[in-house]
Each structure stands twice: as structure tokens, then as C-alpha cells.
Amino acid sequence: MVRDFGITLFDEWTAMWNGDLALAEKIMAPEFTLRYAQPGASEYDSIRDPQTLAAKIAEVREQRPGVRFITQGEPVAEMDNTRTGFVARPYGAARTGPDGEQIDISGTDILRIAAGLITEVWSVSGGPAGRSFYRPSAIGGR
């Protein structure tokens, strides 16, 4: 089913953020737009290609060792037979802070997909000062 393709693509988006950086070349369009609404996320505005995105994700993972992203809640997917449409889904992220404290956040990503590739992303979360909408135990098997 085409809807299943969109959900699988979202799962690959999540896997990319968990360190499978080779997925950037597979799932991202050669040129795309990122729209990150989190405070301090303006550095994503200029990222337009898979290689730069993969490098940025590697940098984020280096700055936040052990960060783990998971999908949460039910996806909303609208796709046509050309694998064009949207997928939206809540996500959670967990990591250990600099003082050993557990940081849990929730957010929602919306992916615009054209011909099977991600062409635009909207991402919203409260960041580390935000709140998690799902139980922390749902993230990373805790």
C-alpha cells in the first residue's frame, strides 16, 4: 500500500536521526527545505542537500551522545500512487544531560514527499525545556 510506503519512509527518517546517516542519500530529495520551529534551530534553515543534513545529524549526535529518537502515537499519512503526499507523526527523544539528568522531549515531524523522496520537513518540539507528551518509559525501553 502507498500509505505504508509513507510510514516506512518516516521510520527511515527516524533511523537516520539515530545515526544511520547513509539513509540521507536514499530518502532525501537532492534539494529540500527544512522548517524547524524549535528555539535555536535557525541553523537548519540553510541545509538543502542530503550530505549537509547527514553532517549536521552527525554533529548533533556527537554533541548529545546516546540521544535516541523513536516514533510515537499514530501516523497520519496521505499518499497517492506516485508516492507523493504527507506523513505526520509524533516522536520522542531521550538523552542524558550534562549533569546526569534524564532529558525527554516530544515533538511532531511532518514530511512532504514527492516521487518517494522527502522534499520538505516541518518539525516542532519544545526542546529540552519542553515537556514530553508520552511516558519516558516509552523511549529507549526505559
N, C-alpha and C. Protein backbone atom coordinates (compact mmCIF):
# COMPACT_ATOMS: atom_id res chain seq x y z
N MET A 1 0.83 -1.19 0.00
CA MET A 1 0.00 0.00 0.00
C MET A 1 0.87 1.26 0.00
N VAL A 2 0.39 2.28 -0.63
CA VAL A 2 1.13 3.53 -0.72
C VAL A 2 1.26 4.19 0.65
N ARG A 3 0.21 4.11 1.45
CA ARG A 3 0.26 4.68 2.81
C ARG A 3 1.39 4.04 3.61
N ASP A 4 1.53 2.73 3.47
CA ASP A 4 2.60 2.02 4.17
C ASP A 4 3.98 2.51 3.75
N PHE A 5 4.12 2.86 2.46
CA PHE A 5 5.39 3.41 1.99
C PHE A 5 5.72 4.69 2.76
N GLY A 6 4.74 5.57 2.94
CA GLY A 6 4.97 6.82 3.66
C GLY A 6 5.36 6.57 5.11
N ILE A 7 4.72 5.61 5.74
CA ILE A 7 5.04 5.30 7.14
C ILE A 7 6.45 4.71 7.24
N THR A 8 6.80 3.83 6.30
CA THR A 8 8.16 3.27 6.28
C THR A 8 9.19 4.37 6.06
N LEU A 9 8.89 5.32 5.19
CA LEU A 9 9.80 6.43 4.95
C LEU A 9 10.01 7.24 6.23
N PHE A 10 8.93 7.45 6.99
CA PHE A 10 9.06 8.15 8.27
C PHE A 10 9.95 7.36 9.23
N ASP A 11 9.79 6.03 9.24
CA ASP A 11 10.65 5.20 10.09
C ASP A 11 12.11 5.33 9.68
N GLU A 12 12.37 5.43 8.37
CA GLU A 12 13.74 5.62 7.89
C GLU A 12 14.26 7.00 8.28
N TRP A 13 13.41 8.02 8.23
CA TRP A 13 13.76 9.37 8.70
C TRP A 13 14.23 9.29 10.15
N THR A 14 13.49 8.55 10.97
CA THR A 14 13.85 8.39 12.38
C THR A 14 15.16 7.63 12.53
N ALA A 15 15.34 6.57 11.75
CA ALA A 15 16.59 5.80 11.79
C ALA A 15 17.79 6.66 11.40
N MET A 16 17.58 7.56 10.43
CA MET A 16 18.66 8.47 10.03
C MET A 16 19.08 9.33 11.23
N TRP A 17 18.10 9.87 11.96
CA TRP A 17 18.42 10.68 13.14
C TRP A 17 19.04 9.85 14.26
N ASN A 18 18.86 8.54 14.21
CA ASN A 18 19.50 7.65 15.19
C ASN A 18 20.88 7.19 14.74
N GLY A 19 21.39 7.76 13.64
CA GLY A 19 22.77 7.50 13.25
C GLY A 19 22.98 6.76 11.95
N ASP A 20 21.93 6.29 11.30
CA ASP A 20 22.09 5.62 10.01
C ASP A 20 22.15 6.69 8.92
N LEU A 21 23.28 7.36 8.86
CA LEU A 21 23.44 8.55 8.02
C LEU A 21 23.39 8.25 6.52
N ALA A 22 23.67 7.02 6.13
CA ALA A 22 23.59 6.65 4.70
C ALA A 22 22.17 6.80 4.18
N LEU A 23 21.20 6.76 5.06
CA LEU A 23 19.80 6.92 4.63
C LEU A 23 19.54 8.30 4.02
N ALA A 24 20.33 9.29 4.36
CA ALA A 24 20.11 10.64 3.81
C ALA A 24 20.10 10.61 2.29
N GLU A 25 21.04 9.90 1.69
CA GLU A 25 21.11 9.81 0.22
C GLU A 25 19.92 9.03 -0.35
N LYS A 26 19.38 8.11 0.43
CA LYS A 26 18.28 7.26 -0.04
C LYS A 26 16.92 7.94 0.06
N ILE A 27 16.68 8.69 1.16
CA ILE A 27 15.32 9.17 1.43
C ILE A 27 15.10 10.65 1.17
N MET A 28 16.19 11.42 1.10
CA MET A 28 16.05 12.87 0.92
C MET A 28 16.16 13.21 -0.57
N ALA A 29 15.35 14.18 -1.01
CA ALA A 29 15.47 14.69 -2.37
C ALA A 29 16.83 15.38 -2.52
N PRO A 30 17.34 15.50 -3.75
CA PRO A 30 18.62 16.18 -3.94
C PRO A 30 18.63 17.61 -3.39
N GLU A 31 17.47 18.26 -3.39
CA GLU A 31 17.31 19.58 -2.79
C GLU A 31 16.00 19.59 -2.01
N PHE A 32 16.04 20.07 -0.78
CA PHE A 32 14.86 20.06 0.08
C PHE A 32 14.87 21.28 0.99
N THR A 33 13.79 21.44 1.75
CA THR A 33 13.65 22.54 2.70
C THR A 33 13.35 21.98 4.08
N LEU A 34 14.04 22.50 5.08
CA LEU A 34 13.78 22.15 6.48
C LEU A 34 13.17 23.35 7.18
N ARG A 35 12.12 23.12 7.92
CA ARG A 35 11.45 24.19 8.69
C ARG A 35 11.38 23.72 10.15
N TYR A 36 12.36 24.10 10.94
CA TYR A 36 12.44 23.69 12.33
C TYR A 36 12.01 24.86 13.21
N ALA A 37 10.97 24.62 14.00
CA ALA A 37 10.40 25.69 14.82
C ALA A 37 10.99 25.75 16.23
N GLN A 38 11.85 24.82 16.58
CA GLN A 38 12.42 24.80 17.91
C GLN A 38 13.29 26.03 18.15
N PRO A 39 13.31 26.52 19.37
CA PRO A 39 14.21 27.63 19.70
C PRO A 39 15.65 27.25 19.37
N GLY A 40 16.38 28.14 18.74
CA GLY A 40 17.77 27.92 18.42
C GLY A 40 18.02 27.03 17.21
N ALA A 41 17.00 26.75 16.42
CA ALA A 41 17.14 25.82 15.29
C ALA A 41 17.34 26.52 13.95
N SER A 42 17.64 27.81 13.95
CA SER A 42 17.77 28.54 12.68
C SER A 42 18.92 28.01 11.82
N GLU A 43 19.87 27.31 12.42
CA GLU A 43 20.98 26.75 11.64
C GLU A 43 20.51 25.73 10.61
N TYR A 44 19.32 25.18 10.79
CA TYR A 44 18.79 24.21 9.82
C TYR A 44 18.24 24.90 8.57
N ASP A 45 17.98 26.19 8.64
CA ASP A 45 17.38 26.92 7.52
C ASP A 45 18.19 26.83 6.24
N SER A 46 19.49 26.74 6.35
CA SER A 46 20.34 26.75 5.15
C SER A 46 20.71 25.35 4.66
N ILE A 47 20.28 24.31 5.35
CA ILE A 47 20.59 22.94 4.91
C ILE A 47 19.63 22.59 3.78
N ARG A 48 20.19 22.22 2.63
CA ARG A 48 19.37 21.96 1.44
C ARG A 48 19.70 20.65 0.72
N ASP A 49 20.76 19.92 1.18
CA ASP A 49 21.14 18.71 0.46
C ASP A 49 21.41 17.57 1.44
N PRO A 50 21.31 16.33 0.98
CA PRO A 50 21.48 15.17 1.87
C PRO A 50 22.83 15.12 2.59
N GLN A 51 23.90 15.51 1.91
CA GLN A 51 25.23 15.43 2.52
C GLN A 51 25.35 16.39 3.71
N THR A 52 24.85 17.61 3.55
CA THR A 52 24.92 18.59 4.63
C THR A 52 24.03 18.17 5.79
N LEU A 53 22.87 17.60 5.49
CA LEU A 53 21.99 17.12 6.56
C LEU A 53 22.66 15.99 7.33
N ALA A 54 23.25 15.03 6.62
CA ALA A 54 23.93 13.92 7.30
C ALA A 54 25.05 14.44 8.20
N ALA A 55 25.80 15.42 7.72
CA ALA A 55 26.88 16.01 8.53
C ALA A 55 26.31 16.69 9.77
N LYS A 56 25.20 17.39 9.63
CA LYS A 56 24.58 18.06 10.78
C LYS A 56 24.07 17.05 11.79
N ILE A 57 23.45 15.97 11.32
CA ILE A 57 22.97 14.93 12.23
C ILE A 57 24.15 14.32 12.98
N ALA A 58 25.25 14.06 12.29
CA ALA A 58 26.45 13.53 12.96
C ALA A 58 26.93 14.48 14.05
N GLU A 59 26.90 15.77 13.75
CA GLU A 59 27.30 16.79 14.74
C GLU A 59 26.37 16.78 15.94
N VAL A 60 25.06 16.70 15.70
CA VAL A 60 24.08 16.66 16.79
C VAL A 60 24.32 15.43 17.66
N ARG A 61 24.57 14.30 17.03
CA ARG A 61 24.77 13.06 17.77
C ARG A 61 26.07 13.11 18.58
N GLU A 62 27.08 13.81 18.06
CA GLU A 62 28.33 13.97 18.80
C GLU A 62 28.12 14.88 20.02
N GLN A 63 27.32 15.93 19.86
CA GLN A 63 27.05 16.85 20.96
C GLN A 63 26.12 16.25 22.01
N ARG A 64 25.32 15.28 21.60
CA ARG A 64 24.34 14.65 22.50
C ARG A 64 24.51 13.13 22.47
N PRO A 65 25.60 12.64 23.02
CA PRO A 65 25.84 11.19 22.96
C PRO A 65 24.68 10.40 23.56
N GLY A 66 24.32 9.33 22.89
CA GLY A 66 23.27 8.47 23.40
C GLY A 66 21.85 8.93 23.09
N VAL A 67 21.68 10.07 22.40
CA VAL A 67 20.33 10.51 22.10
C VAL A 67 19.63 9.44 21.25
N ARG A 68 18.38 9.19 21.56
CA ARG A 68 17.61 8.16 20.87
C ARG A 68 16.25 8.74 20.50
N PHE A 69 15.90 8.64 19.23
CA PHE A 69 14.61 9.10 18.73
C PHE A 69 13.73 7.88 18.45
N ILE A 70 12.46 7.99 18.80
CA ILE A 70 11.50 6.94 18.45
C ILE A 70 10.21 7.58 17.97
N THR A 71 9.51 6.85 17.11
CA THR A 71 8.19 7.31 16.71
C THR A 71 7.21 7.02 17.84
N GLN A 72 6.23 7.86 17.96
CA GLN A 72 5.20 7.70 18.99
C GLN A 72 3.84 8.00 18.38
N GLY A 73 2.81 7.51 18.99
CA GLY A 73 1.47 7.82 18.51
C GLY A 73 1.21 7.23 17.13
N GLU A 74 0.10 7.59 16.58
CA GLU A 74 -0.33 7.08 15.28
C GLU A 74 0.09 8.04 14.17
N PRO A 75 0.60 7.51 13.07
CA PRO A 75 0.94 8.37 11.95
C PRO A 75 -0.30 8.82 11.19
N VAL A 76 -0.21 9.97 10.59
CA VAL A 76 -1.22 10.44 9.65
C VAL A 76 -0.51 10.48 8.30
N ALA A 77 -1.03 9.72 7.35
CA ALA A 77 -0.37 9.62 6.05
C ALA A 77 -1.38 9.81 4.93
N GLU A 78 -1.04 10.66 4.00
CA GLU A 78 -1.86 10.92 2.80
C GLU A 78 -0.90 10.81 1.62
N MET A 79 -1.01 9.73 0.86
CA MET A 79 -0.10 9.48 -0.26
C MET A 79 -0.91 9.06 -1.48
N ASP A 80 -0.39 9.41 -2.67
CA ASP A 80 -1.03 8.93 -3.89
C ASP A 80 -0.15 7.85 -4.54
N ASN A 81 -0.57 7.36 -5.68
CA ASN A 81 0.14 6.27 -6.33
C ASN A 81 1.51 6.65 -6.86
N THR A 82 1.81 7.95 -6.91
CA THR A 82 3.16 8.37 -7.34
C THR A 82 4.08 8.54 -6.14
N ARG A 83 3.63 8.08 -4.98
CA ARG A 83 4.38 8.21 -3.72
C ARG A 83 4.64 9.68 -3.40
N THR A 84 3.59 10.46 -3.58
CA THR A 84 3.62 11.89 -3.28
C THR A 84 2.54 12.18 -2.24
N GLY A 85 2.90 12.96 -1.24
CA GLY A 85 1.93 13.30 -0.20
C GLY A 85 2.63 13.76 1.06
N PHE A 86 1.99 13.48 2.20
CA PHE A 86 2.48 13.91 3.51
C PHE A 86 2.40 12.77 4.50
N VAL A 87 3.32 12.78 5.47
CA VAL A 87 3.25 11.90 6.63
C VAL A 87 3.58 12.76 7.84
N ALA A 88 2.75 12.67 8.86
CA ALA A 88 2.98 13.39 10.11
C ALA A 88 2.94 12.38 11.25
N ARG A 89 3.84 12.57 12.21
CA ARG A 89 3.84 11.64 13.33
C ARG A 89 4.57 12.28 14.51
N PRO A 90 4.06 12.03 15.72
CA PRO A 90 4.78 12.46 16.91
C PRO A 90 6.05 11.62 17.08
N TYR A 91 7.04 12.21 17.72
CA TYR A 91 8.25 11.48 18.05
C TYR A 91 8.66 11.83 19.47
N GLY A 92 9.51 11.00 20.01
CA GLY A 92 10.11 11.28 21.31
C GLY A 92 11.60 11.16 21.18
N ALA A 93 12.31 11.85 22.04
CA ALA A 93 13.76 11.75 22.11
C ALA A 93 14.17 11.74 23.57
N ALA A 94 15.19 10.97 23.85
CA ALA A 94 15.69 10.88 25.22
C ALA A 94 17.21 10.89 25.19
N ARG A 95 17.77 11.56 26.18
CA ARG A 95 19.22 11.56 26.34
C ARG A 95 19.54 11.94 27.78
N THR A 96 20.78 11.72 28.13
CA THR A 96 21.26 12.09 29.45
C THR A 96 21.89 13.48 29.35
N GLY A 97 21.50 14.37 30.24
CA GLY A 97 22.01 15.73 30.24
C GLY A 97 23.41 15.81 30.83
N PRO A 98 24.01 16.99 30.81
CA PRO A 98 25.40 17.17 31.27
C PRO A 98 25.60 16.85 32.75
N ASP A 99 24.53 16.95 33.54
CA ASP A 99 24.64 16.66 34.97
C ASP A 99 24.08 15.29 35.32
N GLY A 100 23.88 14.43 34.29
CA GLY A 100 23.37 13.09 34.52
C GLY A 100 21.86 12.99 34.56
N GLU A 101 21.18 14.14 34.40
CA GLU A 101 19.72 14.12 34.44
C GLU A 101 19.16 13.57 33.12
N GLN A 102 18.00 12.92 33.20
CA GLN A 102 17.35 12.40 32.00
C GLN A 102 16.54 13.51 31.34
N ILE A 103 16.76 13.72 30.04
CA ILE A 103 16.02 14.73 29.28
C ILE A 103 15.13 14.00 28.29
N ASP A 104 13.82 14.20 28.39
CA ASP A 104 12.85 13.60 27.49
C ASP A 104 12.10 14.72 26.80
N ILE A 105 11.98 14.65 25.48
CA ILE A 105 11.20 15.64 24.75
C ILE A 105 10.24 14.93 23.81
N SER A 106 9.21 15.63 23.43
CA SER A 106 8.29 15.16 22.41
C SER A 106 8.19 16.22 21.34
N GLY A 107 7.83 15.80 20.16
CA GLY A 107 7.63 16.73 19.07
C GLY A 107 6.80 16.07 17.98
N THR A 108 6.65 16.78 16.90
CA THR A 108 5.95 16.25 15.73
C THR A 108 6.72 16.66 14.49
N ASP A 109 6.94 15.70 13.61
CA ASP A 109 7.54 15.97 12.32
C ASP A 109 6.50 15.73 11.24
N ILE A 110 6.49 16.59 10.26
CA ILE A 110 5.64 16.45 9.07
C ILE A 110 6.56 16.41 7.87
N LEU A 111 6.46 15.34 7.09
CA LEU A 111 7.31 15.17 5.91
C LEU A 111 6.46 15.36 4.66
N ARG A 112 6.91 16.23 3.76
CA ARG A 112 6.31 16.33 2.43
C ARG A 112 7.15 15.43 1.53
N ILE A 113 6.48 14.56 0.81
CA ILE A 113 7.15 13.57 -0.01
C ILE A 113 6.70 13.75 -1.47
N ALA A 114 7.65 13.73 -2.39
CA ALA A 114 7.35 13.80 -3.82
C ALA A 114 8.14 12.70 -4.52
N ALA A 115 7.45 11.89 -5.28
CA ALA A 115 8.08 10.79 -6.02
C ALA A 115 8.95 9.92 -5.12
N GLY A 116 8.49 9.71 -3.88
CA GLY A 116 9.17 8.82 -2.96
C GLY A 116 10.32 9.40 -2.17
N LEU A 117 10.59 10.72 -2.32
CA LEU A 117 11.69 11.37 -1.59
C LEU A 117 11.16 12.52 -0.75
N ILE A 118 11.81 12.75 0.38
CA ILE A 118 11.42 13.85 1.27
C ILE A 118 11.89 15.16 0.67
N THR A 119 10.93 16.07 0.44
CA THR A 119 11.25 17.37 -0.17
C THR A 119 11.13 18.53 0.81
N GLU A 120 10.41 18.30 1.91
CA GLU A 120 10.21 19.37 2.89
C GLU A 120 9.88 18.73 4.23
N VAL A 121 10.41 19.34 5.31
CA VAL A 121 10.16 18.85 6.66
C VAL A 121 9.76 20.02 7.54
N TRP A 122 8.69 19.85 8.30
CA TRP A 122 8.32 20.76 9.37
C TRP A 122 8.53 19.99 10.65
N SER A 123 9.22 20.59 11.61
CA SER A 123 9.50 19.93 12.88
C SER A 123 9.24 20.90 14.01
N VAL A 124 8.52 20.42 15.01
CA VAL A 124 8.18 21.26 16.16
C VAL A 124 8.38 20.43 17.43
N SER A 125 9.10 21.00 18.38
CA SER A 125 9.19 20.42 19.72
C SER A 125 9.46 21.55 20.69
N GLY A 126 9.33 21.26 21.95
CA GLY A 126 9.63 22.25 22.96
C GLY A 126 11.11 22.30 23.31
N GLY A 127 11.91 21.39 22.72
CA GLY A 127 13.32 21.33 23.06
C GLY A 127 13.50 20.83 24.48
N PRO A 128 14.71 20.90 25.01
CA PRO A 128 14.98 20.36 26.34
C PRO A 128 14.14 20.99 27.45
N ALA A 129 13.69 22.22 27.25
CA ALA A 129 12.87 22.87 28.27
C ALA A 129 11.39 22.53 28.11
N GLY A 130 11.06 21.81 27.04
CA GLY A 130 9.67 21.43 26.78
C GLY A 130 9.27 20.24 27.64
N ARG A 131 8.09 19.74 27.35
CA ARG A 131 7.62 18.59 28.11
C ARG A 131 7.39 17.41 27.18
N SER A 132 7.47 16.23 27.75
CA SER A 132 7.26 15.01 26.99
C SER A 132 5.79 14.62 27.11
N PHE A 133 5.17 14.34 25.98
CA PHE A 133 3.75 14.00 26.00
C PHE A 133 3.51 12.52 26.17
N TYR A 134 4.55 11.72 26.10
CA TYR A 134 4.44 10.29 26.29
C TYR A 134 5.28 9.91 27.48
N ARG A 135 4.96 8.79 28.09
CA ARG A 135 5.72 8.33 29.26
C ARG A 135 7.19 8.17 28.89
N PRO A 136 8.09 8.63 29.71
CA PRO A 136 9.51 8.45 29.43
C PRO A 136 9.87 6.97 29.23
N SER A 137 9.16 6.06 29.87
CA SER A 137 9.46 4.63 29.73
C SER A 137 9.21 4.15 28.30
N ALA A 138 8.48 4.94 27.52
CA ALA A 138 8.21 4.56 26.13
C ALA A 138 9.42 4.84 25.24
N ILE A 139 10.39 5.57 25.74
CA ILE A 139 11.57 5.93 24.95
C ILE A 139 12.75 5.07 25.38
N GLY A 140 13.32 4.39 24.43
CA GLY A 140 14.54 3.64 24.68
C GLY A 140 14.37 2.51 25.67
N GLY A 141 13.16 2.00 25.82
CA GLY A 141 12.93 0.84 26.67
C GLY A 141 13.06 1.11 28.15
N ARG A 142 12.99 2.38 28.54
CA ARG A 142 13.10 2.67 29.97
C ARG A 142 11.77 2.48 30.64
